[in-house]
C-alpha atoms as a PDB file:
ATOM      1  CA  MET A   1      68.961  82.969  77.642  1.00  0.00           C
ATOM      2  CA  LEU A   2      70.700  81.903  80.845  1.00  0.00           C
ATOM      3  CA  PHE A   3      74.467  81.428  80.945  1.00  0.00           C
ATOM      4  CA  LYS A   4      73.963  77.870  82.188  1.00  0.00           C
ATOM      5  CA  ASN A   5      72.225  77.005  78.910  1.00  0.00           C
ATOM      6  CA  VAL A   6      74.980  78.444  76.711  1.00  0.00           C
ATOM      7  CA  LEU A   7      77.350  75.894  75.176  1.00  0.00           C
ATOM      8  CA  ALA A   8      80.587  77.803  75.768  1.00  0.00           C
ATOM      9  CA  ASP A   9      83.700  77.839  77.924  1.00  0.00           C
ATOM     10  CA  ALA A  10      82.707  78.038  81.606  1.00  0.00           C
ATOM     11  CA  ALA A  11      85.629  80.316  82.513  1.00  0.00           C
ATOM     12  CA  LEU A  12      84.661  82.800  79.787  1.00  0.00           C
ATOM     13  CA  LYS A  13      81.037  82.873  80.947  1.00  0.00           C
ATOM     14  CA  GLN A  14      82.106  83.587  84.519  1.00  0.00           C
ATOM     15  CA  LYS A  15      84.498  86.289  83.327  1.00  0.00           C
ATOM     16  CA  LEU A  16      81.635  88.103  81.598  1.00  0.00           C
ATOM     17  CA  VAL A  17      79.505  87.801  84.730  1.00  0.00           C
ATOM     18  CA  ASP A  18      82.307  89.219  86.879  1.00  0.00           C
ATOM     19  CA  LEU A  19      82.823  92.171  84.532  1.00  0.00           C
ATOM     20  CA  ALA A  20      79.131  92.981  84.690  1.00  0.00           C
ATOM     21  CA  ARG A  21      78.963  92.638  88.494  1.00  0.00           C
ATOM     22  CA  GLU A  22      81.971  94.902  88.924  1.00  0.00           C
ATOM     23  CA  GLY A  23      80.614  97.531  86.534  1.00  0.00           C
ATOM     24  CA  ARG A  24      83.509  97.005  84.119  1.00  0.00           C
ATOM     25  CA  ALA A  25      81.563  95.887  81.050  1.00  0.00           C
ATOM     26  CA  ALA A  26      83.261  97.393  77.990  1.00  0.00           C
ATOM     27  CA  HIS A  27      80.962  99.586  75.918  1.00  0.00           C
ATOM     28  CA  ALA A  28      82.035  97.902  72.647  1.00  0.00           C
ATOM     29  CA  GLN A  29      83.130  94.269  72.445  1.00  0.00           C
ATOM     30  CA  LEU A  30      83.897  91.980  69.534  1.00  0.00           C
ATOM     31  CA  PHE A  31      82.999  88.338  70.167  1.00  0.00           C
ATOM     32  CA  LEU A  32      85.376  86.395  67.909  1.00  0.00           C
ATOM     33  CA  ALA A  33      83.382  83.209  67.364  1.00  0.00           C
ATOM     34  CA  GLN A  34      84.161  79.747  66.058  1.00  0.00           C
ATOM     35  CA  PRO A  35      81.960  78.262  63.293  1.00  0.00           C
ATOM     36  CA  GLY A  36      78.949  76.409  64.643  1.00  0.00           C
ATOM     37  CA  GLY A  37      79.324  77.741  68.173  1.00  0.00           C
ATOM     38  CA  HIS A  38      76.919  79.411  70.571  1.00  0.00           C
ATOM     39  CA  ALA A  39      78.269  82.959  70.247  1.00  0.00           C
ATOM     40  CA  PHE A  40      74.897  84.603  69.673  1.00  0.00           C
ATOM     41  CA  ALA A  41      73.492  82.832  72.737  1.00  0.00           C
ATOM     42  CA  LEU A  42      76.491  84.026  74.759  1.00  0.00           C
ATOM     43  CA  ALA A  43      75.864  87.611  73.670  1.00  0.00           C
ATOM     44  CA  VAL A  44      72.167  87.413  74.606  1.00  0.00           C
ATOM     45  CA  ALA A  45      72.969  85.793  77.976  1.00  0.00           C
ATOM     46  CA  TYR A  46      75.417  88.619  78.671  1.00  0.00           C
ATOM     47  CA  ALA A  47      72.825  91.229  77.692  1.00  0.00           C
ATOM     48  CA  GLN A  48      70.224  89.514  79.851  1.00  0.00           C
ATOM     49  CA  TYR A  49      72.558  89.539  82.851  1.00  0.00           C
ATOM     50  CA  LEU A  50      73.276  93.251  82.386  1.00  0.00           C
ATOM     51  CA  CYS A  51      69.541  94.012  82.389  1.00  0.00           C
ATOM     52  CA  CYS A  52      68.474  91.470  85.029  1.00  0.00           C
ATOM     53  CA  GLU A  53      66.695  92.953  88.071  1.00  0.00           C
ATOM     54  CA  ASN A  54      68.047  90.303  90.477  1.00  0.00           C
ATOM     55  CA  PRO A  55      71.357  88.995  89.043  1.00  0.00           C
ATOM     56  CA  GLY A  56      73.160  86.232  90.933  1.00  0.00           C
ATOM     57  CA  GLU A  57      76.853  85.445  91.301  1.00  0.00           C
ATOM     58  CA  HIS A  58      76.865  83.193  88.265  1.00  0.00           C
ATOM     59  CA  ASP A  59      73.735  83.886  86.234  1.00  0.00           C
ATOM     60  CA  SER A  60      70.611  85.946  85.676  1.00  0.00           C
ATOM     61  CA  CYS A  61      67.629  85.175  87.885  1.00  0.00           C
ATOM     62  CA  GLY A  62      65.509  84.014  84.947  1.00  0.00           C
ATOM     63  CA  GLU A  63      62.337  85.061  86.771  1.00  0.00           C
ATOM     64  CA  CYS A  64      62.134  88.873  86.697  1.00  0.00           C
ATOM     65  CA  PRO A  65      60.109  90.650  83.985  1.00  0.00           C
ATOM     66  CA  SER A  66      63.334  91.594  82.187  1.00  0.00           C
ATOM     67  CA  CYS A  67      64.563  87.987  81.998  1.00  0.00           C
ATOM     68  CA  LYS A  68      61.165  86.788  80.776  1.00  0.00           C
ATOM     69  CA  GLN A  69      61.286  89.355  77.987  1.00  0.00           C
ATOM     70  CA  PHE A  70      64.779  88.228  77.038  1.00  0.00           C
ATOM     71  CA  ALA A  71      63.547  84.635  76.833  1.00  0.00           C
ATOM     72  CA  LYS A  72      61.402  85.767  73.892  1.00  0.00           C
ATOM     73  CA  LEU A  73      64.022  88.186  72.537  1.00  0.00           C
ATOM     74  CA  SER A  74      61.444  90.916  73.088  1.00  0.00           C
ATOM     75  CA  HIS A  75      63.133  93.154  75.666  1.00  0.00           C
ATOM     76  CA  PRO A  76      62.663  96.788  74.530  1.00  0.00           C
ATOM     77  CA  ASP A  77      66.317  97.627  75.289  1.00  0.00           C
ATOM     78  CA  LEU A  78      67.696  94.686  73.279  1.00  0.00           C
ATOM     79  CA  HIS A  79      68.405  95.739  69.689  1.00  0.00           C
ATOM     80  CA  LEU A  80      69.354  93.071  67.128  1.00  0.00           C
ATOM     81  CA  TYR A  81      71.037  93.713  63.774  1.00  0.00           C
ATOM     82  CA  PHE A  82      72.015  91.087  61.228  1.00  0.00           C
ATOM     83  CA  PRO A  83      72.709  90.627  57.499  1.00  0.00           C
ATOM     84  CA  ASN A  84      69.560  91.239  55.483  1.00  0.00           C
ATOM     85  CA  CYS A  85      68.454  91.470  51.883  1.00  0.00           C
ATOM     86  CA  THR A  86      65.320  91.751  49.783  1.00  0.00           C
ATOM     87  CA  THR A  87      62.856  88.891  50.190  1.00  0.00           C
ATOM     88  CA  LYS A  88      59.440  87.926  48.873  1.00  0.00           C
ATOM     89  CA  SER A  89      57.829  90.056  51.571  1.00  0.00           C
ATOM     90  CA  VAL A  90      60.425  92.887  51.631  1.00  0.00           C
ATOM     91  CA  LYS A  91      61.021  93.805  48.025  1.00  0.00           C
ATOM     92  CA  LYS A  92      62.772  97.152  48.551  1.00  0.00           C
ATOM     93  CA  ASP A  93      65.060  98.865  51.086  1.00  0.00           C
ATOM     94  CA  PRO A  94      65.366  95.958  53.548  1.00  0.00           C
ATOM     95  CA  ASP A  95      66.664  96.403  57.084  1.00  0.00           C
ATOM     96  CA  SER A  96      66.909  94.331  60.263  1.00  0.00           C
ATOM     97  CA  ALA A  97      63.750  95.844  61.775  1.00  0.00           C
ATOM     98  CA  GLN A  98      61.529  94.584  58.949  1.00  0.00           C
ATOM     99  CA  LEU A  99      62.960  91.061  59.143  1.00  0.00           C
ATOM    100  CA  LEU A 100      63.214  90.900  62.935  1.00  0.00           C
ATOM    101  CA  PRO A 101      60.192  88.570  63.453  1.00  0.00           C
ATOM    102  CA  ASP A 102      61.683  86.067  60.987  1.00  0.00           C
ATOM    103  CA  PHE A 103      65.097  86.338  62.627  1.00  0.00           C
ATOM    104  CA  LYS A 104      63.721  85.803  66.144  1.00  0.00           C
ATOM    105  CA  ASP A 105      61.778  82.769  64.947  1.00  0.00           C
ATOM    106  CA  TYR A 106      64.906  81.360  63.282  1.00  0.00           C
ATOM    107  CA  VAL A 107      67.017  81.889  66.423  1.00  0.00           C
ATOM    108  CA  LEU A 108      64.511  80.394  68.866  1.00  0.00           C
ATOM    109  CA  ARG A 109      63.666  77.478  66.577  1.00  0.00           C
ATOM    110  CA  ASN A 110      67.346  76.515  66.386  1.00  0.00           C
ATOM    111  CA  ASN A 111      68.068  77.075  70.092  1.00  0.00           C
ATOM    112  CA  TYR A 112      70.448  79.946  69.230  1.00  0.00           C
ATOM    113  CA  PHE A 113      72.729  77.712  67.105  1.00  0.00           C
ATOM    114  CA  ILE A 114      72.692  79.886  64.001  1.00  0.00           C
ATOM    115  CA  ASN A 115      74.876  80.443  60.971  1.00  0.00           C
ATOM    116  CA  LEU A 116      74.782  82.793  58.022  1.00  0.00           C
ATOM    117  CA  HIS A 117      74.215  80.100  55.390  1.00  0.00           C
ATOM    118  CA  ASP A 118      71.084  78.758  57.074  1.00  0.00           C
ATOM    119  CA  TRP A 119      69.785  82.270  57.755  1.00  0.00           C
ATOM    120  CA  LEU A 120      70.138  83.180  54.086  1.00  0.00           C
ATOM    121  CA  LEU A 121      68.198  80.033  53.192  1.00  0.00           C
ATOM    122  CA  VAL A 122      65.397  81.289  55.432  1.00  0.00           C
ATOM    123  CA  LEU A 123      65.448  84.560  53.494  1.00  0.00           C
ATOM    124  CA  ASP A 124      65.758  82.729  50.181  1.00  0.00           C
ATOM    125  CA  GLY A 125      68.771  84.964  49.653  1.00  0.00           C
ATOM    126  CA  GLU A 126      71.621  82.467  49.295  1.00  0.00           C
ATOM    127  CA  ASN A 127      72.842  84.166  46.125  1.00  0.00           C
ATOM    128  CA  LYS A 128      72.267  87.745  47.311  1.00  0.00           C
ATOM    129  CA  GLN A 129      74.653  90.171  48.963  1.00  0.00           C
ATOM    130  CA  ALA A 130      73.129  90.318  52.435  1.00  0.00           C
ATOM    131  CA  SER A 131      74.542  93.050  54.654  1.00  0.00           C
ATOM    132  CA  ILE A 132      74.071  95.228  57.710  1.00  0.00           C
ATOM    133  CA  ASN A 133      73.313  98.401  55.807  1.00  0.00           C
ATOM    134  CA  THR A 134      73.068 102.163  56.228  1.00  0.00           C
ATOM    135  CA  ARG A 135      69.404 101.905  57.260  1.00  0.00           C
ATOM    136  CA  ASP A 136      70.422  99.612  60.133  1.00  0.00           C
ATOM    137  CA  CYS A 137      73.120 102.066  61.224  1.00  0.00           C
ATOM    138  CA  SER A 138      70.662 104.939  61.146  1.00  0.00           C
ATOM    139  CA  ASP A 139      68.334 102.889  63.329  1.00  0.00           C
ATOM    140  CA  ILE A 140      71.155 102.294  65.827  1.00  0.00           C
ATOM    141  CA  LEU A 141      71.874 106.022  66.017  1.00  0.00           C
ATOM    142  CA  ARG A 142      68.192 106.777  66.532  1.00  0.00           C
ATOM    143  CA  HIS A 143      67.860 104.314  69.426  1.00  0.00           C
ATOM    144  CA  ASN A 144      71.152 105.449  70.934  1.00  0.00           C
ATOM    145  CA  SER A 145      69.948 109.062  71.061  1.00  0.00           C
ATOM    146  CA  ILE A 146      67.066 108.281  73.426  1.00  0.00           C
ATOM    147  CA  ARG A 147      66.927 106.924  76.965  1.00  0.00           C
ATOM    148  CA  SER A 148      66.483 103.242  77.665  1.00  0.00           C
ATOM    149  CA  HIS A 149      62.935 102.074  78.277  1.00  0.00           C
ATOM    150  CA  GLN A 150      63.716 100.637  81.709  1.00  0.00           C
ATOM    151  CA  ASP A 151      66.427 103.083  82.835  1.00  0.00           C
ATOM    152  CA  GLY A 152      69.086 100.401  82.563  1.00  0.00           C
ATOM    153  CA  TYR A 153      71.408  99.180  79.843  1.00  0.00           C
ATOM    154  CA  LYS A 154      70.686  99.420  76.149  1.00  0.00           C
ATOM    155  CA  VAL A 155      72.360  96.489  74.362  1.00  0.00           C
ATOM    156  CA  TYR A 156      73.031  96.357  70.633  1.00  0.00           C
ATOM    157  CA  ILE A 157      74.003  92.976  69.159  1.00  0.00           C
ATOM    158  CA  LEU A 158      75.398  93.047  65.630  1.00  0.00           C
ATOM    159  CA  TRP A 159      75.579  89.467  64.373  1.00  0.00           C
ATOM    160  CA  CYS A 160      78.017  88.820  61.490  1.00  0.00           C
ATOM    161  CA  VAL A 161      79.455  92.312  61.776  1.00  0.00           C
ATOM    162  CA  ASP A 162      81.919  91.383  59.012  1.00  0.00           C
ATOM    163  CA  ARG A 163      78.876  91.930  56.766  1.00  0.00           C
ATOM    164  CA  LEU A 164      78.638  95.568  57.862  1.00  0.00           C
ATOM    165  CA  TYR A 165      78.405  97.485  54.599  1.00  0.00           C
ATOM    166  CA  HIS A 166      81.531  99.636  54.093  1.00  0.00           C
ATOM    167  CA  SER A 167      79.634 102.815  53.355  1.00  0.00           C
ATOM    168  CA  ALA A 168      77.520 102.231  56.486  1.00  0.00           C
ATOM    169  CA  ALA A 169      80.388 101.666  58.911  1.00  0.00           C
ATOM    170  CA  PRO A 170      81.484 105.325  59.242  1.00  0.00           C
ATOM    171  CA  LYS A 171      78.069 106.135  60.715  1.00  0.00           C
ATOM    172  CA  LEU A 172      78.911 104.005  63.769  1.00  0.00           C
ATOM    173  CA  LEU A 173      82.499 105.052  64.465  1.00  0.00           C
ATOM    174  CA  LYS A 174      81.771 107.973  66.765  1.00  0.00           C
ATOM    175  CA  THR A 175      79.003 106.028  68.534  1.00  0.00           C
ATOM    176  CA  LEU A 176      81.315 103.065  69.179  1.00  0.00           C
ATOM    177  CA  GLU A 177      84.022 105.374  70.472  1.00  0.00           C
ATOM    178  CA  GLU A 178      81.791 107.616  72.573  1.00  0.00           C
ATOM    179  CA  PRO A 179      78.438 105.889  73.177  1.00  0.00           C
ATOM    180  CA  GLU A 180      75.668 107.172  75.366  1.00  0.00           C
ATOM    181  CA  PRO A 181      75.865 106.096  79.055  1.00  0.00           C
ATOM    182  CA  ASN A 182      74.855 102.469  79.702  1.00  0.00           C
ATOM    183  CA  SER A 183      75.013 101.578  76.016  1.00  0.00           C
ATOM    184  CA  VAL A 184      76.763  98.284  75.261  1.00  0.00           C
ATOM    185  CA  PHE A 185      77.621  97.102  71.745  1.00  0.00           C
ATOM    186  CA  ILE A 186      78.339  93.400  71.178  1.00  0.00           C
ATOM    187  CA  LEU A 187      79.706  92.656  67.720  1.00  0.00           C
ATOM    188  CA  ILE A 188      79.890  89.012  66.626  1.00  0.00           C
ATOM    189  CA  SER A 189      82.011  87.611  63.809  1.00  0.00           C
ATOM    190  CA  GLU A 190      83.663  84.400  62.633  1.00  0.00           C
ATOM    191  CA  GLU A 191      85.758  86.319  60.077  1.00  0.00           C
ATOM    192  CA  PRO A 192      87.611  89.194  61.759  1.00  0.00           C
ATOM    193  CA  ASP A 193      89.826  89.676  58.701  1.00  0.00           C
ATOM    194  CA  LYS A 194      86.794  91.053  56.877  1.00  0.00           C
ATOM    195  CA  ILE A 195      86.000  93.662  59.534  1.00  0.00           C
ATOM    196  CA  LEU A 196      87.138  97.222  58.899  1.00  0.00           C
ATOM    197  CA  ASN A 197      90.158  98.232  60.970  1.00  0.00           C
ATOM    198  CA  THR A 198      88.341 101.354  62.112  1.00  0.00           C
ATOM    199  CA  ILE A 199      85.714  99.100  63.720  1.00  0.00           C
ATOM    200  CA  LEU A 200      88.257  96.679  65.179  1.00  0.00           C
ATOM    201  CA  SER A 201      90.242  99.457  66.828  1.00  0.00           C
ATOM    202  CA  ARG A 202      87.163 100.621  68.725  1.00  0.00           C
ATOM    203  CA  THR A 203      86.234  97.261  70.257  1.00  0.00           C
ATOM    204  CA  GLN A 204      87.542  95.023  73.021  1.00  0.00           C
ATOM    205  CA  LEU A 205      88.289  91.540  71.688  1.00  0.00           C
ATOM    206  CA  VAL A 206      86.636  88.545  73.378  1.00  0.00           C
ATOM    207  CA  LYS A 207      87.896  85.236  71.948  1.00  0.00           C
ATOM    208  CA  ILE A 208      85.430  82.375  72.259  1.00  0.00           C
ATOM    209  CA  PRO A 209      87.306  79.037  72.482  1.00  0.00           C
ATOM    210  CA  ARG A 210      86.498  76.145  70.153  1.00  0.00           C
ATOM    211  CA  LEU A 211      83.907  73.734  71.516  1.00  0.00           C
ATOM    212  CA  ALA A 212      85.368  70.549  73.016  1.00  0.00           C
ATOM    213  CA  ASP A 213      84.314  67.206  71.502  1.00  0.00           C
ATOM    214  CA  THR A 214      83.091  66.037  74.916  1.00  0.00           C
ATOM    215  CA  ASP A 215      80.845  69.101  75.285  1.00  0.00           C
ATOM    216  CA  ILE A 216      79.348  68.540  71.832  1.00  0.00           C
ATOM    217  CA  ALA A 217      78.758  64.849  72.571  1.00  0.00           C
ATOM    218  CA  GLU A 218      77.015  65.654  75.860  1.00  0.00           C
ATOM    219  CA  ARG A 219      74.732  68.234  74.250  1.00  0.00           C
ATOM    220  CA  LEU A 220      73.878  65.809  71.428  1.00  0.00           C
ATOM    221  CA  MET A 221      72.843  63.080  73.871  1.00  0.00           C
ATOM    222  CA  ALA A 222      70.732  65.591  75.784  1.00  0.00           C
ATOM    223  CA  SER A 223      69.051  66.714  72.552  1.00  0.00           C
ATOM    224  CA  TYR A 224      68.651  63.219  71.058  1.00  0.00           C
ATOM    225  CA  PRO A 225      67.739  60.746  73.856  1.00  0.00           C
ATOM    226  CA  ASP A 226      68.034  57.716  71.555  1.00  0.00           C
ATOM    227  CA  MET A 227      71.645  58.533  70.641  1.00  0.00           C
ATOM    228  CA  THR A 228      74.292  56.273  72.170  1.00  0.00           C
ATOM    229  CA  PRO A 229      77.537  57.632  73.671  1.00  0.00           C
ATOM    230  CA  GLU A 230      79.481  56.012  70.831  1.00  0.00           C
ATOM    231  CA  GLN A 231      77.321  57.703  68.176  1.00  0.00           C
ATOM    232  CA  ALA A 232      77.595  61.065  69.927  1.00  0.00           C
ATOM    233  CA  SER A 233      81.364  60.707  70.205  1.00  0.00           C
ATOM    234  CA  ASP A 234      81.683  59.822  66.519  1.00  0.00           C
ATOM    235  CA  ILE A 235      79.574  62.789  65.433  1.00  0.00           C
ATOM    236  CA  ALA A 236      81.546  65.148  67.687  1.00  0.00           C
ATOM    237  CA  VAL A 237      84.770  64.002  66.015  1.00  0.00           C
ATOM    238  CA  LEU A 238      83.313  64.668  62.565  1.00  0.00           C
ATOM    239  CA  ALA A 239      81.947  68.054  63.632  1.00  0.00           C
ATOM    240  CA  ASP A 240      85.397  69.317  64.665  1.00  0.00           C
ATOM    241  CA  GLY A 241      84.107  71.847  67.187  1.00  0.00           C
ATOM    242  CA  ASN A 242      81.104  72.897  65.105  1.00  0.00           C
ATOM    243  CA  TYR A 243      77.847  72.053  66.878  1.00  0.00           C
ATOM    244  CA  THR A 244      75.674  73.156  63.958  1.00  0.00           C
ATOM    245  CA  LYS A 245      77.548  70.702  61.762  1.00  0.00           C
ATOM    246  CA  ALA A 246      77.087  68.032  64.439  1.00  0.00           C
ATOM    247  CA  VAL A 247      73.308  68.506  64.292  1.00  0.00           C
ATOM    248  CA  HIS A 248      73.353  68.247  60.496  1.00  0.00           C
ATOM    249  CA  ILE A 249      75.308  64.995  60.723  1.00  0.00           C
ATOM    250  CA  ALA A 250      73.002  63.620  63.410  1.00  0.00           C
ATOM    251  CA  THR A 251      69.944  64.285  61.269  1.00  0.00           C
ATOM    252  CA  ASP A 252      71.527  63.137  58.003  1.00  0.00           C
ATOM    253  CA  ASP A 253      73.584  60.090  59.000  1.00  0.00           C
ATOM    254  CA  GLU A 254      72.725  58.214  55.799  1.00  0.00           C
ATOM    255  CA  ASP A 255      74.820  60.608  53.697  1.00  0.00           C
ATOM    256  CA  GLN A 256      77.831  60.119  55.980  1.00  0.00           C
ATOM    257  CA  ASN A 257      77.586  56.326  55.665  1.00  0.00           C
ATOM    258  CA  ALA A 258      77.167  56.581  51.897  1.00  0.00           C
ATOM    259  CA  MET A 259      80.268  58.783  51.561  1.00  0.00           C
ATOM    260  CA  LEU A 260      82.341  56.382  53.640  1.00  0.00           C
ATOM    261  CA  ARG A 261      81.255  53.410  51.495  1.00  0.00           C
ATOM    262  CA  GLN A 262      82.109  55.369  48.352  1.00  0.00           C
ATOM    263  CA  PHE A 263      85.526  56.318  49.701  1.00  0.00           C
ATOM    264  CA  GLU A 264      86.277  52.702  50.680  1.00  0.00           C
ATOM    265  CA  LEU A 265      85.309  51.316  47.290  1.00  0.00           C
ATOM    266  CA  TYR A 266      87.241  54.016  45.437  1.00  0.00           C
ATOM    267  CA  PHE A 267      90.381  53.761  47.565  1.00  0.00           C
ATOM    268  CA  ASP A 268      90.420  49.943  47.479  1.00  0.00           C
ATOM    269  CA  SER A 269      90.784  50.113  43.708  1.00  0.00           C
ATOM    270  CA  VAL A 270      93.404  52.902  43.899  1.00  0.00           C
ATOM    271  CA  VAL A 271      95.516  50.772  46.258  1.00  0.00           C
ATOM    272  CA  ALA A 272      95.068  47.673  44.108  1.00  0.00           C
ATOM    273  CA  PHE A 273      96.164  49.607  41.020  1.00  0.00           C
ATOM    274  CA  ALA A 274      99.206  51.076  42.808  1.00  0.00           C
ATOM    275  CA  GLN A 275     100.247  47.621  44.005  1.00  0.00           C
ATOM    276  CA  ARG A 276      99.958  46.267  40.446  1.00  0.00           C
ATOM    277  CA  LYS A 277      97.422  43.657  41.411  1.00  0.00           C
ATOM    278  CA  PRO A 278      95.561  41.724  38.691  1.00  0.00           C
ATOM    279  CA  LEU A 279      93.180  43.924  36.763  1.00  0.00           C
ATOM    280  CA  ALA A 280      90.306  41.689  37.768  1.00  0.00           C
ATOM    281  CA  THR A 281      90.674  42.923  41.365  1.00  0.00           C
ATOM    282  CA  ILE A 282      90.191  46.550  40.271  1.00  0.00           C
ATOM    283  CA  GLN A 283      86.486  47.322  40.148  1.00  0.00           C
ATOM    284  CA  TYR A 284      86.443  49.871  37.341  1.00  0.00           C
ATOM    285  CA  ASP A 285      82.684  49.796  36.874  1.00  0.00           C
ATOM    286  CA  GLN A 286      81.995  50.484  40.547  1.00  0.00           C
ATOM    287  CA  VAL A 287      84.591  53.285  40.674  1.00  0.00           C
ATOM    288  CA  GLN A 288      82.936  54.902  37.668  1.00  0.00           C
ATOM    289  CA  ALA A 289      79.571  54.524  39.390  1.00  0.00           C
ATOM    290  CA  VAL A 290      80.940  56.306  42.481  1.00  0.00           C
ATOM    291  CA  ILE A 291      82.298  59.169  40.373  1.00  0.00           C
ATOM    292  CA  ALA A 292      79.015  59.459  38.460  1.00  0.00           C
ATOM    293  CA  ASP A 293      76.967  59.430  41.652  1.00  0.00           C
ATOM    294  CA  VAL A 294      79.069  62.085  43.426  1.00  0.00           C
ATOM    295  CA  SER A 295      79.227  64.339  40.362  1.00  0.00           C
ATOM    296  CA  GLY A 296      75.453  64.090  39.998  1.00  0.00           C
ATOM    297  CA  ARG A 297      74.809  65.234  43.572  1.00  0.00           C
ATOM    298  CA  GLY A 298      74.511  68.775  44.849  1.00  0.00           C
ATOM    299  CA  ARG A 299      77.497  71.013  45.527  1.00  0.00           C
ATOM    300  CA  GLU A 300      77.273  70.575  49.302  1.00  0.00           C
ATOM    301  CA  TYR A 301      77.449  66.753  49.054  1.00  0.00           C
ATOM    302  CA  GLN A 302      80.439  66.995  46.701  1.00  0.00           C
ATOM    303  CA  LYS A 303      82.180  69.366  49.100  1.00  0.00           C
ATOM    304  CA  GLN A 304      81.563  67.081  52.066  1.00  0.00           C
ATOM    305  CA  PHE A 305      82.745  64.029  50.106  1.00  0.00           C
ATOM    306  CA  LEU A 306      86.036  65.720  49.194  1.00  0.00           C
ATOM    307  CA  LEU A 307      86.521  66.812  52.813  1.00  0.00           C
ATOM    308  CA  LEU A 308      85.922  63.235  53.949  1.00  0.00           C
ATOM    309  CA  MET A 309      88.492  61.931  51.455  1.00  0.00           C
ATOM    310  CA  LEU A 310      91.085  64.450  52.649  1.00  0.00           C
ATOM    311  CA  ARG A 311      90.435  63.605  56.296  1.00  0.00           C
ATOM    312  CA  MET A 312      90.587  59.863  55.665  1.00  0.00           C
ATOM    313  CA  LEU A 313      93.882  60.152  53.762  1.00  0.00           C
ATOM    314  CA  ARG A 314      95.297  62.251  56.603  1.00  0.00           C
ATOM    315  CA  ASN A 315      94.181  59.598  59.094  1.00  0.00           C
ATOM    316  CA  VAL A 316      95.850  56.847  57.064  1.00  0.00           C
ATOM    317  CA  LEU A 317      99.112  58.830  57.018  1.00  0.00           C
ATOM    318  CA  MET A 318      98.920  59.507  60.764  1.00  0.00           C
ATOM    319  CA  LEU A 319      98.188  55.849  61.469  1.00  0.00           C
ATOM    320  CA  ASN A 320     101.181  54.738  59.443  1.00  0.00           C
ATOM    321  CA  SER A 321     103.416  57.362  61.071  1.00  0.00           C
ATOM    322  CA  ASN A 322     102.775  56.003  64.562  1.00  0.00           C
ATOM    323  CA  ASN A 323     100.707  59.050  65.503  1.00  0.00           C
ATOM    324  CA  PRO A 324      97.429  57.453  66.644  1.00  0.00           C
ATOM    325  CA  ARG A 325      96.686  60.368  68.979  1.00  0.00           C
ATOM    326  CA  MET A 326      96.464  62.654  65.933  1.00  0.00           C
ATOM    327  CA  LEU A 327      93.627  60.648  64.401  1.00  0.00           C
ATOM    328  CA  LYS A 328      90.257  62.325  63.860  1.00  0.00           C
ATOM    329  CA  VAL A 329      88.239  59.229  63.129  1.00  0.00           C
ATOM    330  CA  THR A 330      84.952  57.554  64.065  1.00  0.00           C
ATOM    331  CA  HIS A 331      84.670  53.911  65.129  1.00  0.00           C
ATOM    332  CA  ARG A 332      83.400  52.913  61.672  1.00  0.00           C
ATOM    333  CA  GLU A 333      86.147  54.865  59.924  1.00  0.00           C
ATOM    334  CA  GLN A 334      88.767  53.233  62.137  1.00  0.00           C
ATOM    335  CA  SER A 335      87.862  49.826  60.735  1.00  0.00           C
ATOM    336  CA  VAL A 336      88.289  51.221  57.203  1.00  0.00           C
ATOM    337  CA  ILE A 337      91.689  52.860  57.656  1.00  0.00           C
ATOM    338  CA  ASP A 338      93.015  49.772  59.474  1.00  0.00           C
ATOM    339  CA  LYS A 339      92.908  48.021  56.069  1.00  0.00           C
ATOM    340  CA  TYR A 340      95.496  50.466  54.761  1.00  0.00           C
ATOM    341  CA  ARG A 341      97.927  50.116  57.642  1.00  0.00           C
ATOM    342  CA  GLY A 342     101.466  50.030  56.231  1.00  0.00           C
ATOM    343  CA  ILE A 343     100.336  50.759  52.669  1.00  0.00           C
ATOM    344  CA  VAL A 344     100.332  54.559  52.462  1.00  0.00           C
ATOM    345  CA  GLN A 345     103.205  56.234  54.320  1.00  0.00           C
ATOM    346  CA  LEU A 346     104.753  59.683  54.503  1.00  0.00           C
ATOM    347  CA  LYS A 347     108.048  58.452  53.059  1.00  0.00           C
ATOM    348  CA  GLN A 348     106.167  57.713  49.826  1.00  0.00           C
ATOM    349  CA  VAL A 349     105.355  61.418  49.473  1.00  0.00           C
ATOM    350  CA  SER A 350     108.192  63.593  48.203  1.00  0.00           C
ATOM    351  CA  ALA A 351     108.709  66.670  46.091  1.00  0.00           C
ATOM    352  CA  ASP A 352     110.060  64.489  43.274  1.00  0.00           C
ATOM    353  CA  ARG A 353     106.705  62.755  43.020  1.00  0.00           C
ATOM    354  CA  LEU A 354     104.660  65.919  42.705  1.00  0.00           C
ATOM    355  CA  PRO A 355     103.155  66.727  39.303  1.00  0.00           C
ATOM    356  CA  GLY A 356     105.396  68.865  37.164  1.00  0.00           C
ATOM    357  CA  ARG A 357     108.582  67.907  39.054  1.00  0.00           C
ATOM    358  CA  ARG A 358     111.347  65.840  37.482  1.00  0.00           C
ATOM    359  CA  SER A 359     113.867  63.731  39.327  1.00  0.00           C
ATOM    360  CA  PRO A 360     117.436  65.050  38.983  1.00  0.00           C
END
């Protein structure tokens, strides 16, 4: 993976390059990632640069034997660890080494845009307690006790290190604090609050900024040639910095349109009822049909529908508070919330109107 292909902040990428060129690469770093970002790709690009035989001022050469091995995630001095669990093929004592072929395939197939939920679906382990376990830690210690294959850096990438099993973590403390020469540990997490303090205290924090909407839109248009700039912009707004979510929206646009139609129908009747309009204007049957349809769908659809409702209500409030710059809305959604201009306002929301509160 070349830095130029990583969807991440340009200044951060150059900072990592400069640290490597100056020989100041920290031996243990925690990449604090944002959901749906390219953190794993950034870690691999950094590892590739450290091991590159002809590194440039801004990137690896991409042509040396080391870089070609990294392109397949097969470099002998690149060690990958990730949450794992029993599967149909690994029925007992799982570890990252046994599932590594599946993990590499998953990473390369998704162009390094990976997340724990999708990985667990690959393992058919959505309801299992996947973790980086004691067997993984023992494997790290074993590799760290021997010389690198190519007399350069040995790089250990621990993806979702917040899933490091508590009883396994103590095995790594001394290694993180006093690793062998030219050993670099890159820990990746989206949930630092779940990482043990003893691990946090032994790592240098690298914060990966949230992806900009413009960057997501550009990558979407490059990945989907038939996508218009307006479509890409709308999806980027909905994704809220999460490229993985943007891809899901791009490949499942029908659900997004269905949710918006359901919200519009439901909210039209809510507004009509609140304004005491004739009962004939309130479409009870259609509202019931919306509720029945949403409740009959899967949990993920229900979750996304509720999130859309919350975001749309927020947009209506922002619109009616003269805060148009605070809107997070697509072109189609804009036409919907314009109908409610002046109807729902912040002054209508007060503590006295909350359930369980009585006016004095």
